[in-house]
């Protein structure tokens, strides 16, 4: 099993910021869900990202 320890890719953070600032989206209500490999990406975003807030 490979453990990914590096921070999430900048394009994912950029995509989050674009969604957060879109006038038809409530920025504080954006959720992220991952299945299979997406689970590791989602967890990495939650741990390492400067833009994602974990509640």
N, C-alpha and C. Protein backbone atom coordinates (compact mmCIF):
# COMPACT_ATOMS: atom_id res chain seq x y z
N UNK A 1 0.85 -1.18 0.00
CA UNK A 1 0.00 0.00 0.00
C UNK A 1 0.89 1.24 0.00
N UNK A 2 0.57 2.19 -0.85
CA UNK A 2 1.30 3.44 -0.93
C UNK A 2 0.62 4.49 -0.06
N UNK A 3 1.38 5.14 0.79
CA UNK A 3 0.84 6.20 1.63
C UNK A 3 1.23 7.53 1.02
N UNK A 4 0.24 8.33 0.70
CA UNK A 4 0.48 9.64 0.08
C UNK A 4 0.57 10.68 1.19
N UNK A 5 1.73 11.29 1.31
CA UNK A 5 1.92 12.27 2.39
C UNK A 5 2.09 13.69 1.87
N UNK A 6 2.17 13.86 0.58
CA UNK A 6 2.35 15.21 0.05
C UNK A 6 1.03 15.97 0.04
N UNK A 7 1.07 17.29 0.08
CA UNK A 7 -0.16 18.10 0.06
C UNK A 7 -0.92 17.90 -1.24
N UNK A 8 -2.24 18.19 -1.23
CA UNK A 8 -3.05 18.03 -2.43
C UNK A 8 -2.58 18.95 -3.55
N UNK A 9 -2.89 18.54 -4.74
CA UNK A 9 -2.47 19.30 -5.92
C UNK A 9 -3.11 20.68 -5.92
N UNK A 10 -2.35 21.71 -6.32
CA UNK A 10 -2.91 23.06 -6.38
C UNK A 10 -4.18 23.19 -7.24
N UNK A 11 -4.34 22.40 -8.32
CA UNK A 11 -5.60 22.54 -9.07
C UNK A 11 -6.84 22.24 -8.25
N UNK A 12 -6.75 21.34 -7.29
CA UNK A 12 -7.90 21.05 -6.44
C UNK A 12 -8.23 22.24 -5.54
N UNK A 13 -7.21 22.88 -5.01
CA UNK A 13 -7.44 24.06 -4.19
C UNK A 13 -7.98 25.21 -5.02
N UNK A 14 -7.48 25.34 -6.24
CA UNK A 14 -7.97 26.38 -7.14
C UNK A 14 -9.44 26.14 -7.48
N UNK A 15 -9.79 24.90 -7.76
CA UNK A 15 -11.19 24.56 -8.06
C UNK A 15 -12.09 24.89 -6.88
N UNK A 16 -11.63 24.60 -5.68
CA UNK A 16 -12.41 24.91 -4.47
C UNK A 16 -12.62 26.42 -4.36
N UNK A 17 -11.56 27.19 -4.58
CA UNK A 17 -11.68 28.65 -4.48
C UNK A 17 -12.64 29.21 -5.53
N UNK A 18 -12.60 28.66 -6.74
CA UNK A 18 -13.51 29.11 -7.81
C UNK A 18 -14.95 28.84 -7.39
N UNK A 19 -15.23 27.64 -6.89
CA UNK A 19 -16.58 27.32 -6.43
C UNK A 19 -17.00 28.21 -5.27
N UNK A 20 -16.09 28.43 -4.34
CA UNK A 20 -16.38 29.24 -3.15
C UNK A 20 -16.77 30.67 -3.52
N UNK A 21 -16.19 31.21 -4.59
CA UNK A 21 -16.44 32.60 -4.96
C UNK A 21 -17.55 32.75 -6.01
N UNK A 22 -18.09 31.65 -6.50
CA UNK A 22 -19.14 31.72 -7.51
C UNK A 22 -20.40 32.33 -6.90
N UNK A 23 -21.05 33.27 -7.61
CA UNK A 23 -22.20 33.97 -7.02
C UNK A 23 -23.42 33.08 -6.76
N UNK A 24 -23.54 31.95 -7.43
CA UNK A 24 -24.70 31.08 -7.24
C UNK A 24 -24.44 29.94 -6.27
N UNK A 25 -23.29 29.95 -5.60
CA UNK A 25 -22.94 28.89 -4.66
C UNK A 25 -22.69 29.50 -3.29
N UNK A 26 -23.24 28.87 -2.27
CA UNK A 26 -22.98 29.30 -0.89
C UNK A 26 -21.64 28.70 -0.50
N UNK A 27 -20.61 29.53 -0.45
CA UNK A 27 -19.24 29.08 -0.24
C UNK A 27 -19.01 28.31 1.04
N UNK A 28 -19.76 28.61 2.07
CA UNK A 28 -19.57 27.93 3.35
C UNK A 28 -20.24 26.56 3.39
N UNK A 29 -20.95 26.18 2.31
CA UNK A 29 -21.68 24.92 2.30
C UNK A 29 -21.16 23.94 1.25
N UNK A 30 -19.93 24.11 0.83
CA UNK A 30 -19.32 23.20 -0.14
C UNK A 30 -18.83 21.96 0.61
N UNK A 31 -19.15 20.80 0.09
CA UNK A 31 -18.72 19.54 0.70
C UNK A 31 -17.87 18.77 -0.30
N UNK A 32 -17.06 17.87 0.23
CA UNK A 32 -16.21 17.04 -0.62
C UNK A 32 -16.37 15.60 -0.17
N UNK A 33 -16.62 14.70 -1.12
CA UNK A 33 -16.80 13.29 -0.84
C UNK A 33 -15.93 12.50 -1.79
N UNK A 34 -15.26 11.51 -1.30
CA UNK A 34 -14.41 10.69 -2.15
C UNK A 34 -14.71 9.22 -2.01
N UNK A 35 -14.68 8.51 -3.11
CA UNK A 35 -14.84 7.06 -3.12
C UNK A 35 -13.61 6.45 -3.75
N UNK A 36 -13.17 5.34 -3.23
CA UNK A 36 -11.99 4.62 -3.70
C UNK A 36 -10.77 5.54 -3.60
N UNK A 37 -10.08 5.83 -4.70
CA UNK A 37 -8.91 6.71 -4.64
C UNK A 37 -9.30 8.12 -4.20
N UNK A 38 -10.51 8.54 -4.51
CA UNK A 38 -10.99 9.86 -4.10
C UNK A 38 -11.03 10.04 -2.60
N UNK A 39 -11.14 8.93 -1.86
CA UNK A 39 -11.12 9.02 -0.40
C UNK A 39 -9.77 9.55 0.08
N UNK A 40 -8.68 9.04 -0.48
CA UNK A 40 -7.36 9.52 -0.06
C UNK A 40 -7.16 10.97 -0.47
N UNK A 41 -7.68 11.37 -1.63
CA UNK A 41 -7.56 12.76 -2.07
C UNK A 41 -8.35 13.66 -1.12
N UNK A 42 -9.56 13.24 -0.76
CA UNK A 42 -10.39 14.03 0.15
C UNK A 42 -9.74 14.17 1.52
N UNK A 43 -9.20 13.08 2.04
CA UNK A 43 -8.53 13.16 3.34
C UNK A 43 -7.30 14.04 3.29
N UNK A 44 -6.53 13.97 2.21
CA UNK A 44 -5.35 14.84 2.07
C UNK A 44 -5.78 16.30 2.01
N UNK A 45 -6.87 16.59 1.30
CA UNK A 45 -7.36 17.97 1.24
C UNK A 45 -7.74 18.44 2.65
N UNK A 46 -8.39 17.58 3.41
CA UNK A 46 -8.82 17.96 4.75
C UNK A 46 -7.64 18.22 5.68
N UNK A 47 -6.57 17.46 5.52
CA UNK A 47 -5.42 17.58 6.42
C UNK A 47 -4.47 18.70 6.01
N UNK A 48 -4.14 18.78 4.72
CA UNK A 48 -3.07 19.67 4.27
C UNK A 48 -3.53 21.01 3.67
N UNK A 49 -4.76 21.09 3.23
CA UNK A 49 -5.20 22.27 2.49
C UNK A 49 -5.35 23.49 3.40
N UNK A 50 -4.97 24.63 2.87
CA UNK A 50 -5.13 25.89 3.58
C UNK A 50 -6.53 26.49 3.33
N UNK A 51 -7.24 26.00 2.31
CA UNK A 51 -8.53 26.60 1.96
C UNK A 51 -9.73 25.80 2.49
N UNK A 52 -9.55 24.53 2.79
CA UNK A 52 -10.63 23.68 3.27
C UNK A 52 -10.75 23.83 4.79
N UNK A 53 -11.98 23.99 5.26
CA UNK A 53 -12.23 24.06 6.70
C UNK A 53 -12.93 22.77 7.12
N UNK A 54 -12.40 22.10 8.12
CA UNK A 54 -12.97 20.84 8.58
C UNK A 54 -13.82 21.12 9.82
N UNK A 55 -15.05 20.63 9.80
CA UNK A 55 -15.96 20.86 10.93
C UNK A 55 -16.24 19.57 11.63
